[in-house]
Amino acid sequence: MQSLDNLSQNVHLLLDRYAALQQENEALREDVERQRQELIRTHSELLQIQQQNRRLATANALTATETSEEATKRINALIAQVDRAIAVLKK
């Protein structure tokens, strides 16, 4: 009879441990999902920063040795070239 009681206690202990492991597993899954979302957000921010860095590098290259007025003239000239290219493509 005592062995049956021991077996019953062991079964209850195993069921309790199983339930605890299921809860831990669910918590870990939620943590993984949170970290995945954070990684996606961080990656998106990184891409935006890289794009901004490229824009700033381009702007700095255009204006590195020019005054503000010279840079404006150069940018306007580039815009005019783009406008002419678009006009040619429309024909």
PDB file of N, CA and C in Angstrom:
ATOM      1  N   MET A   1       0.802  -1.186   0.000  1.00  0.00           N
ATOM      2  CA  MET A   1       0.000   0.000   0.000  1.00  0.00           C
ATOM      3  C   MET A   1       0.855   1.263   0.000  1.00  0.00           C
ATOM      4  N   GLN A   2       1.948   1.189   0.717  1.00  0.00           N
ATOM      5  CA  GLN A   2       2.842   2.341   0.774  1.00  0.00           C
ATOM      6  C   GLN A   2       3.464   2.610  -0.595  1.00  0.00           C
ATOM      7  N   SER A   3       3.786   1.568  -1.343  1.00  0.00           N
ATOM      8  CA  SER A   3       4.358   1.769  -2.676  1.00  0.00           C
ATOM      9  C   SER A   3       3.343   2.430  -3.595  1.00  0.00           C
ATOM     10  N   LEU A   4       2.074   2.141  -3.402  1.00  0.00           N
ATOM     11  CA  LEU A   4       1.025   2.789  -4.186  1.00  0.00           C
ATOM     12  C   LEU A   4       0.922   4.265  -3.808  1.00  0.00           C
ATOM     13  N   ASP A   5       1.053   4.555  -2.540  1.00  0.00           N
ATOM     14  CA  ASP A   5       1.062   5.957  -2.090  1.00  0.00           C
ATOM     15  C   ASP A   5       2.278   6.689  -2.647  1.00  0.00           C
ATOM     16  N   ASN A   6       3.429   6.018  -2.627  1.00  0.00           N
ATOM     17  CA  ASN A   6       4.650   6.619  -3.198  1.00  0.00           C
ATOM     18  C   ASN A   6       4.484   6.875  -4.688  1.00  0.00           C
ATOM     19  N   LEU A   7       3.893   5.917  -5.383  1.00  0.00           N
ATOM     20  CA  LEU A   7       3.664   6.065  -6.812  1.00  0.00           C
ATOM     21  C   LEU A   7       2.718   7.242  -7.063  1.00  0.00           C
ATOM     22  N   SER A   8       1.675   7.340  -6.266  1.00  0.00           N
ATOM     23  CA  SER A   8       0.719   8.426  -6.405  1.00  0.00           C
ATOM     24  C   SER A   8       1.396   9.778  -6.138  1.00  0.00           C
ATOM     25  N   GLN A   9       2.218   9.841  -5.131  1.00  0.00           N
ATOM     26  CA  GLN A   9       2.949  11.072  -4.823  1.00  0.00           C
ATOM     27  C   GLN A   9       3.894  11.441  -5.961  1.00  0.00           C
ATOM     28  N   ASN A  10       4.558  10.435  -6.502  1.00  0.00           N
ATOM     29  CA  ASN A  10       5.485  10.693  -7.615  1.00  0.00           C
ATOM     30  C   ASN A  10       4.736  11.189  -8.845  1.00  0.00           C
ATOM     31  N   VAL A  11       3.570  10.623  -9.113  1.00  0.00           N
ATOM     32  CA  VAL A  11       2.765  11.065 -10.259  1.00  0.00           C
ATOM     33  C   VAL A  11       2.343  12.517 -10.053  1.00  0.00           C
ATOM     34  N   HIS A  12       1.875  12.857  -8.860  1.00  0.00           N
ATOM     35  CA  HIS A  12       1.485  14.237  -8.574  1.00  0.00           C
ATOM     36  C   HIS A  12       2.688  15.180  -8.687  1.00  0.00           C
ATOM     37  N   LEU A  13       3.816  14.727  -8.193  1.00  0.00           N
ATOM     38  CA  LEU A  13       5.028  15.541  -8.294  1.00  0.00           C
ATOM     39  C   LEU A  13       5.405  15.770  -9.754  1.00  0.00           C
ATOM     40  N   LEU A  14       5.325  14.711 -10.561  1.00  0.00           N
ATOM     41  CA  LEU A  14       5.642  14.844 -11.983  1.00  0.00           C
ATOM     42  C   LEU A  14       4.650  15.765 -12.689  1.00  0.00           C
ATOM     43  N   LEU A  15       3.376  15.651 -12.334  1.00  0.00           N
ATOM     44  CA  LEU A  15       2.369  16.525 -12.945  1.00  0.00           C
ATOM     45  C   LEU A  15       2.606  17.988 -12.551  1.00  0.00           C
ATOM     46  N   ASP A  16       2.964  18.228 -11.305  1.00  0.00           N
ATOM     47  CA  ASP A  16       3.272  19.591 -10.867  1.00  0.00           C
ATOM     48  C   ASP A  16       4.483  20.150 -11.598  1.00  0.00           C
ATOM     49  N   ARG A  17       5.505  19.316 -11.730  1.00  0.00           N
ATOM     50  CA  ARG A  17       6.718  19.759 -12.446  1.00  0.00           C
ATOM     51  C   ARG A  17       6.411  20.006 -13.928  1.00  0.00           C
ATOM     52  N   TYR A  18       5.575  19.141 -14.499  1.00  0.00           N
ATOM     53  CA  TYR A  18       5.189  19.299 -15.904  1.00  0.00           C
ATOM     54  C   TYR A  18       4.454  20.621 -16.101  1.00  0.00           C
ATOM     55  N   ALA A  19       3.518  20.922 -15.195  1.00  0.00           N
ATOM     56  CA  ALA A  19       2.779  22.187 -15.281  1.00  0.00           C
ATOM     57  C   ALA A  19       3.728  23.379 -15.138  1.00  0.00           C
ATOM     58  N   ALA A  20       4.669  23.283 -14.225  1.00  0.00           N
ATOM     59  CA  ALA A  20       5.642  24.360 -14.039  1.00  0.00           C
ATOM     60  C   ALA A  20       6.497  24.545 -15.287  1.00  0.00           C
ATOM     61  N   LEU A  21       6.899  23.438 -15.905  1.00  0.00           N
ATOM     62  CA  LEU A  21       7.707  23.522 -17.123  1.00  0.00           C
ATOM     63  C   LEU A  21       6.898  24.107 -18.285  1.00  0.00           C
ATOM     64  N   GLN A  22       5.621  23.783 -18.334  1.00  0.00           N
ATOM     65  CA  GLN A  22       4.778  24.368 -19.377  1.00  0.00           C
ATOM     66  C   GLN A  22       4.691  25.882 -19.202  1.00  0.00           C
ATOM     67  N   GLN A  23       4.529  26.334 -17.979  1.00  0.00           N
ATOM     68  CA  GLN A  23       4.479  27.771 -17.720  1.00  0.00           C
ATOM     69  C   GLN A  23       5.805  28.433 -18.077  1.00  0.00           C
ATOM     70  N   GLU A  24       6.890  27.796 -17.702  1.00  0.00           N
ATOM     71  CA  GLU A  24       8.212  28.342 -18.025  1.00  0.00           C
ATOM     72  C   GLU A  24       8.410  28.392 -19.532  1.00  0.00           C
ATOM     73  N   ASN A  25       7.976  27.355 -20.219  1.00  0.00           N
ATOM     74  CA  ASN A  25       8.098  27.298 -21.672  1.00  0.00           C
ATOM     75  C   ASN A  25       7.299  28.431 -22.321  1.00  0.00           C
ATOM     76  N   GLU A  26       6.100  28.668 -21.840  1.00  0.00           N
ATOM     77  CA  GLU A  26       5.282  29.752 -22.383  1.00  0.00           C
ATOM     78  C   GLU A  26       5.943  31.104 -22.124  1.00  0.00           C
ATOM     79  N   ALA A  27       6.479  31.285 -20.929  1.00  0.00           N
ATOM     80  CA  ALA A  27       7.175  32.540 -20.619  1.00  0.00           C
ATOM     81  C   ALA A  27       8.383  32.730 -21.533  1.00  0.00           C
ATOM     82  N   LEU A  28       9.103  31.650 -21.798  1.00  0.00           N
ATOM     83  CA  LEU A  28      10.267  31.736 -22.687  1.00  0.00           C
ATOM     84  C   LEU A  28       9.842  32.058 -24.116  1.00  0.00           C
ATOM     85  N   ARG A  29       8.745  31.474 -24.560  1.00  0.00           N
ATOM     86  CA  ARG A  29       8.237  31.772 -25.913  1.00  0.00           C
ATOM     87  C   ARG A  29       7.856  33.249 -26.028  1.00  0.00           C
ATOM     88  N   GLU A  30       7.203  33.777 -24.994  1.00  0.00           N
ATOM     89  CA  GLU A  30       6.839  35.190 -25.004  1.00  0.00           C
ATOM     90  C   GLU A  30       8.078  36.072 -25.006  1.00  0.00           C
ATOM     91  N   ASP A  31       9.088  35.677 -24.256  1.00  0.00           N
ATOM     92  CA  ASP A  31      10.340  36.436 -24.212  1.00  0.00           C
ATOM     93  C   ASP A  31      11.028  36.421 -25.577  1.00  0.00           C
ATOM     94  N   VAL A  32      11.029  35.272 -26.226  1.00  0.00           N
ATOM     95  CA  VAL A  32      11.628  35.170 -27.555  1.00  0.00           C
ATOM     96  C   VAL A  32      10.880  36.078 -28.532  1.00  0.00           C
ATOM     97  N   GLU A  33       9.556  36.100 -28.450  1.00  0.00           N
ATOM     98  CA  GLU A  33       8.767  36.947 -29.351  1.00  0.00           C
ATOM     99  C   GLU A  33       9.055  38.429 -29.084  1.00  0.00           C
ATOM    100  N   ARG A  34       9.146  38.814 -27.812  1.00  0.00           N
ATOM    101  CA  ARG A  34       9.486  40.207 -27.487  1.00  0.00           C
ATOM    102  C   ARG A  34      10.861  40.576 -28.045  1.00  0.00           C
ATOM    103  N   GLN A  35      11.814  39.675 -27.883  1.00  0.00           N
ATOM    104  CA  GLN A  35      13.162  39.958 -28.378  1.00  0.00           C
ATOM    105  C   GLN A  35      13.188  40.005 -29.902  1.00  0.00           C
ATOM    106  N   ARG A  36      12.378  39.169 -30.546  1.00  0.00           N
ATOM    107  CA  ARG A  36      12.301  39.186 -32.012  1.00  0.00           C
ATOM    108  C   ARG A  36      11.737  40.519 -32.487  1.00  0.00           C
ATOM    109  N   GLN A  37      10.677  40.990 -31.829  1.00  0.00           N
ATOM    110  CA  GLN A  37      10.095  42.287 -32.190  1.00  0.00           C
ATOM    111  C   GLN A  37      11.092  43.418 -31.954  1.00  0.00           C
ATOM    112  N   GLU A  38      11.827  43.339 -30.867  1.00  0.00           N
ATOM    113  CA  GLU A  38      12.847  44.358 -30.573  1.00  0.00           C
ATOM    114  C   GLU A  38      13.945  44.336 -31.632  1.00  0.00           C
ATOM    115  N   LEU A  39      14.333  43.147 -32.068  1.00  0.00           N
ATOM    116  CA  LEU A  39      15.351  43.027 -33.111  1.00  0.00           C
ATOM    117  C   LEU A  39      14.855  43.630 -34.420  1.00  0.00           C
ATOM    118  N   ILE A  40      13.605  43.379 -34.758  1.00  0.00           N
ATOM    119  CA  ILE A  40      13.033  43.947 -35.981  1.00  0.00           C
ATOM    120  C   ILE A  40      13.027  45.475 -35.896  1.00  0.00           C
ATOM    121  N   ARG A  41      12.603  46.009 -34.738  1.00  0.00           N
ATOM    122  CA  ARG A  41      12.559  47.458 -34.552  1.00  0.00           C
ATOM    123  C   ARG A  41      13.968  48.054 -34.631  1.00  0.00           C
ATOM    124  N   THR A  42      14.913  47.409 -33.986  1.00  0.00           N
ATOM    125  CA  THR A  42      16.290  47.897 -33.987  1.00  0.00           C
ATOM    126  C   THR A  42      16.886  47.853 -35.393  1.00  0.00           C
ATOM    127  N   HIS A  43      16.576  46.792 -36.129  1.00  0.00           N
ATOM    128  CA  HIS A  43      17.078  46.673 -37.496  1.00  0.00           C
ATOM    129  C   HIS A  43      16.498  47.790 -38.368  1.00  0.00           C
ATOM    130  N   SER A  44      15.224  48.076 -38.185  1.00  0.00           N
ATOM    131  CA  SER A  44      14.595  49.153 -38.939  1.00  0.00           C
ATOM    132  C   SER A  44      15.250  50.498 -38.617  1.00  0.00           C
ATOM    133  N   GLU A  45      15.510  50.739 -37.346  1.00  0.00           N
ATOM    134  CA  GLU A  45      16.187  51.972 -36.947  1.00  0.00           C
ATOM    135  C   GLU A  45      17.582  52.047 -37.556  1.00  0.00           C
ATOM    136  N   LEU A  46      18.279  50.928 -37.571  1.00  0.00           N
ATOM    137  CA  LEU A  46      19.616  50.889 -38.154  1.00  0.00           C
ATOM    138  C   LEU A  46      19.572  51.249 -39.633  1.00  0.00           C
ATOM    139  N   LEU A  47      18.611  50.701 -40.363  1.00  0.00           N
ATOM    140  CA  LEU A  47      18.486  51.017 -41.787  1.00  0.00           C
ATOM    141  C   LEU A  47      18.207  52.504 -41.996  1.00  0.00           C
ATOM    142  N   GLN A  48      17.350  53.077 -41.144  1.00  0.00           N
ATOM    143  CA  GLN A  48      17.054  54.503 -41.257  1.00  0.00           C
ATOM    144  C   GLN A  48      18.298  55.343 -40.974  1.00  0.00           C
ATOM    145  N   ILE A  49      19.052  54.952 -39.976  1.00  0.00           N
ATOM    146  CA  ILE A  49      20.276  55.692 -39.635  1.00  0.00           C
ATOM    147  C   ILE A  49      21.296  55.576 -40.761  1.00  0.00           C
ATOM    148  N   GLN A  50      21.416  54.393 -41.352  1.00  0.00           N
ATOM    149  CA  GLN A  50      22.355  54.221 -42.462  1.00  0.00           C
ATOM    150  C   GLN A  50      21.951  55.093 -43.645  1.00  0.00           C
ATOM    151  N   GLN A  51      20.649  55.144 -43.927  1.00  0.00           N
ATOM    152  CA  GLN A  51      20.174  55.980 -45.032  1.00  0.00           C
ATOM    153  C   GLN A  51      20.442  57.458 -44.740  1.00  0.00           C
ATOM    154  N   GLN A  52      20.190  57.858 -43.520  1.00  0.00           N
ATOM    155  CA  GLN A  52      20.452  59.248 -43.135  1.00  0.00           C
ATOM    156  C   GLN A  52      21.949  59.551 -43.232  1.00  0.00           C
ATOM    157  N   ASN A  53      22.779  58.595 -42.836  1.00  0.00           N
ATOM    158  CA  ASN A  53      24.227  58.767 -42.918  1.00  0.00           C
ATOM    159  C   ASN A  53      24.674  58.960 -44.367  1.00  0.00           C
ATOM    160  N   ARG A  54      24.099  58.164 -45.278  1.00  0.00           N
ATOM    161  CA  ARG A  54      24.446  58.313 -46.695  1.00  0.00           C
ATOM    162  C   ARG A  54      24.035  59.690 -47.214  1.00  0.00           C
ATOM    163  N   ARG A  55      22.852  60.143 -46.791  1.00  0.00           N
ATOM    164  CA  ARG A  55      22.398  61.473 -47.227  1.00  0.00           C
ATOM    165  C   ARG A  55      23.330  62.560 -46.705  1.00  0.00           C
ATOM    166  N   LEU A  56      23.706  62.444 -45.441  1.00  0.00           N
ATOM    167  CA  LEU A  56      24.612  63.448 -44.877  1.00  0.00           C
ATOM    168  C   LEU A  56      25.977  63.405 -45.553  1.00  0.00           C
ATOM    169  N   ALA A  57      26.449  62.207 -45.866  1.00  0.00           N
ATOM    170  CA  ALA A  57      27.739  62.090 -46.553  1.00  0.00           C
ATOM    171  C   ALA A  57      27.667  62.739 -47.928  1.00  0.00           C
ATOM    172  N   THR A  58      26.559  62.545 -48.619  1.00  0.00           N
ATOM    173  CA  THR A  58      26.379  63.167 -49.931  1.00  0.00           C
ATOM    174  C   THR A  58      26.311  64.676 -49.801  1.00  0.00           C
ATOM    175  N   ALA A  59      25.555  65.130 -48.824  1.00  0.00           N
ATOM    176  CA  ALA A  59      25.451  66.584 -48.616  1.00  0.00           C
ATOM    177  C   ALA A  59      26.803  67.173 -48.253  1.00  0.00           C
ATOM    178  N   ASN A  60      27.551  66.475 -47.408  1.00  0.00           N
ATOM    179  CA  ASN A  60      28.873  66.969 -47.023  1.00  0.00           C
ATOM    180  C   ASN A  60      29.824  66.974 -48.208  1.00  0.00           C
ATOM    181  N   ALA A  61      29.710  65.971 -49.065  1.00  0.00           N
ATOM    182  CA  ALA A  61      30.582  65.925 -50.244  1.00  0.00           C
ATOM    183  C   ALA A  61      30.282  67.098 -51.166  1.00  0.00           C
ATOM    184  N   LEU A  62      29.005  67.452 -51.260  1.00  0.00           N
ATOM    185  CA  LEU A  62      28.631  68.565 -52.131  1.00  0.00           C
ATOM    186  C   LEU A  62      29.071  69.919 -51.557  1.00  0.00           C
ATOM    187  N   THR A  63      29.056  70.015 -50.244  1.00  0.00           N
ATOM    188  CA  THR A  63      29.292  71.323 -49.628  1.00  0.00           C
ATOM    189  C   THR A  63      30.608  71.417 -48.871  1.00  0.00           C
ATOM    190  N   ALA A  64      31.448  70.426 -48.975  1.00  0.00           N
ATOM    191  CA  ALA A  64      32.669  70.397 -48.166  1.00  0.00           C
ATOM    192  C   ALA A  64      33.548  71.617 -48.395  1.00  0.00           C
ATOM    193  N   THR A  65      33.730  71.995 -49.634  1.00  0.00           N
ATOM    194  CA  THR A  65      34.637  73.114 -49.913  1.00  0.00           C
ATOM    195  C   THR A  65      33.893  74.324 -50.455  1.00  0.00           C
ATOM    196  N   GLU A  66      32.580  74.289 -50.443  1.00  0.00           N
ATOM    197  CA  GLU A  66      31.795  75.366 -51.009  1.00  0.00           C
ATOM    198  C   GLU A  66      31.135  76.179 -49.908  1.00  0.00           C
ATOM    199  N   THR A  67      30.842  77.411 -50.242  1.00  0.00           N
ATOM    200  CA  THR A  67      30.032  78.214 -49.333  1.00  0.00           C
ATOM    201  C   THR A  67      28.581  77.795 -49.510  1.00  0.00           C
ATOM    202  N   SER A  68      27.736  78.290 -48.678  1.00  0.00           N
ATOM    203  CA  SER A  68      26.315  77.960 -48.756  1.00  0.00           C
ATOM    204  C   SER A  68      25.735  78.404 -50.101  1.00  0.00           C
ATOM    205  N   GLU A  69      26.135  79.557 -50.550  1.00  0.00           N
ATOM    206  CA  GLU A  69      25.635  80.072 -51.834  1.00  0.00           C
ATOM    207  C   GLU A  69      26.109  79.196 -52.994  1.00  0.00           C
ATOM    208  N   GLU A  70      27.380  78.804 -52.962  1.00  0.00           N
ATOM    209  CA  GLU A  70      27.913  77.938 -54.024  1.00  0.00           C
ATOM    210  C   GLU A  70      27.209  76.583 -54.011  1.00  0.00           C
ATOM    211  N   ALA A  71      26.965  76.054 -52.825  1.00  0.00           N
ATOM    212  CA  ALA A  71      26.290  74.760 -52.712  1.00  0.00           C
ATOM    213  C   ALA A  71      24.877  74.851 -53.266  1.00  0.00           C
ATOM    214  N   THR A  72      24.191  75.955 -52.973  1.00  0.00           N
ATOM    215  CA  THR A  72      22.833  76.141 -53.493  1.00  0.00           C
ATOM    216  C   THR A  72      22.845  76.193 -55.005  1.00  0.00           C
ATOM    217  N   LYS A  73      23.792  76.910 -55.578  1.00  0.00           N
ATOM    218  CA  LYS A  73      23.900  76.983 -57.041  1.00  0.00           C
ATOM    219  C   LYS A  73      24.166  75.600 -57.630  1.00  0.00           C
ATOM    220  N   ARG A  74      25.047  74.868 -56.982  1.00  0.00           N
ATOM    221  CA  ARG A  74      25.392  73.526 -57.496  1.00  0.00           C
ATOM    222  C   ARG A  74      24.181  72.585 -57.413  1.00  0.00           C
ATOM    223  N   ILE A  75      23.464  72.648 -56.309  1.00  0.00           N
ATOM    224  CA  ILE A  75      22.273  71.798 -56.167  1.00  0.00           C
ATOM    225  C   ILE A  75      21.219  72.194 -57.191  1.00  0.00           C
ATOM    226  N   ASN A  76      21.027  73.484 -57.403  1.00  0.00           N
ATOM    227  CA  ASN A  76      20.072  73.944 -58.415  1.00  0.00           C
ATOM    228  C   ASN A  76      20.477  73.466 -59.805  1.00  0.00           C
ATOM    229  N   ALA A  77      21.763  73.466 -60.086  1.00  0.00           N
ATOM    230  CA  ALA A  77      22.247  72.973 -61.376  1.00  0.00           C
ATOM    231  C   ALA A  77      21.967  71.474 -61.516  1.00  0.00           C
ATOM    232  N   LEU A  78      22.176  70.742 -60.448  1.00  0.00           N
ATOM    233  CA  LEU A  78      21.877  69.307 -60.487  1.00  0.00           C
ATOM    234  C   LEU A  78      20.387  69.059 -60.701  1.00  0.00           C
ATOM    235  N   ILE A  79      19.545  69.844 -60.061  1.00  0.00           N
ATOM    236  CA  ILE A  79      18.095  69.712 -60.242  1.00  0.00           C
ATOM    237  C   ILE A  79      17.713  70.028 -61.679  1.00  0.00           C
ATOM    238  N   ALA A  80      18.330  71.049 -62.240  1.00  0.00           N
ATOM    239  CA  ALA A  80      18.056  71.408 -63.633  1.00  0.00           C
ATOM    240  C   ALA A  80      18.453  70.263 -64.567  1.00  0.00           C
ATOM    241  N   GLN A  81      19.589  69.622 -64.290  1.00  0.00           N
ATOM    242  CA  GLN A  81      20.006  68.483 -65.108  1.00  0.00           C
ATOM    243  C   GLN A  81      18.996  67.344 -65.009  1.00  0.00           C
ATOM    244  N   VAL A  82      18.516  67.095 -63.832  1.00  0.00           N
ATOM    245  CA  VAL A  82      17.517  66.035 -63.649  1.00  0.00           C
ATOM    246  C   VAL A  82      16.236  66.397 -64.395  1.00  0.00           C
ATOM    247  N   ASP A  83      15.817  67.650 -64.314  1.00  0.00           N
ATOM    248  CA  ASP A  83      14.622  68.100 -65.025  1.00  0.00           C
ATOM    249  C   ASP A  83      14.777  67.920 -66.530  1.00  0.00           C
ATOM    250  N   ARG A  84      15.952  68.267 -67.057  1.00  0.00           N
ATOM    251  CA  ARG A  84      16.191  68.087 -68.495  1.00  0.00           C
ATOM    252  C   ARG A  84      16.158  66.606 -68.874  1.00  0.00           C
ATOM    253  N   ALA A  85      16.731  65.762 -68.032  1.00  0.00           N
ATOM    254  CA  ALA A  85      16.738  64.322 -68.313  1.00  0.00           C
ATOM    255  C   ALA A  85      15.310  63.769 -68.308  1.00  0.00           C
ATOM    256  N   ILE A  86      14.493  64.236 -67.381  1.00  0.00           N
ATOM    257  CA  ILE A  86      13.092  63.797 -67.331  1.00  0.00           C
ATOM    258  C   ILE A  86      12.348  64.252 -68.582  1.00  0.00           C
ATOM    259  N   ALA A  87      12.604  65.483 -69.013  1.00  0.00           N
ATOM    260  CA  ALA A  87      11.948  66.009 -70.216  1.00  0.00           C
ATOM    261  C   ALA A  87      12.321  65.186 -71.444  1.00  0.00           C
ATOM    262  N   VAL A  88      13.586  64.798 -71.538  1.00  0.00           N
ATOM    263  CA  VAL A  88      14.046  63.981 -72.656  1.00  0.00           C
ATOM    264  C   VAL A  88      13.364  62.610 -72.620  1.00  0.00           C
ATOM    265  N   LEU A  89      13.232  62.048 -71.464  1.00  0.00           N
ATOM    266  CA  LEU A  89      12.593  60.729 -71.341  1.00  0.00           C
ATOM    267  C   LEU A  89      11.117  60.765 -71.662  1.00  0.00           C
ATOM    268  N   LYS A  90      10.460  61.901 -71.446  1.00  0.00           N
ATOM    269  CA  LYS A  90       9.024  62.019 -71.724  1.00  0.00           C
ATOM    270  C   LYS A  90       8.747  62.094 -73.212  1.00  0.00           C
ATOM    271  N   LYS A  91       9.746  62.524 -74.005  1.00  0.00           N
ATOM    272  CA  LYS A  91       9.534  62.670 -75.458  1.00  0.00           C
ATOM    273  C   LYS A  91       9.453  61.375 -76.155  1.00  0.00           C
TER     274      LYS A  91
END
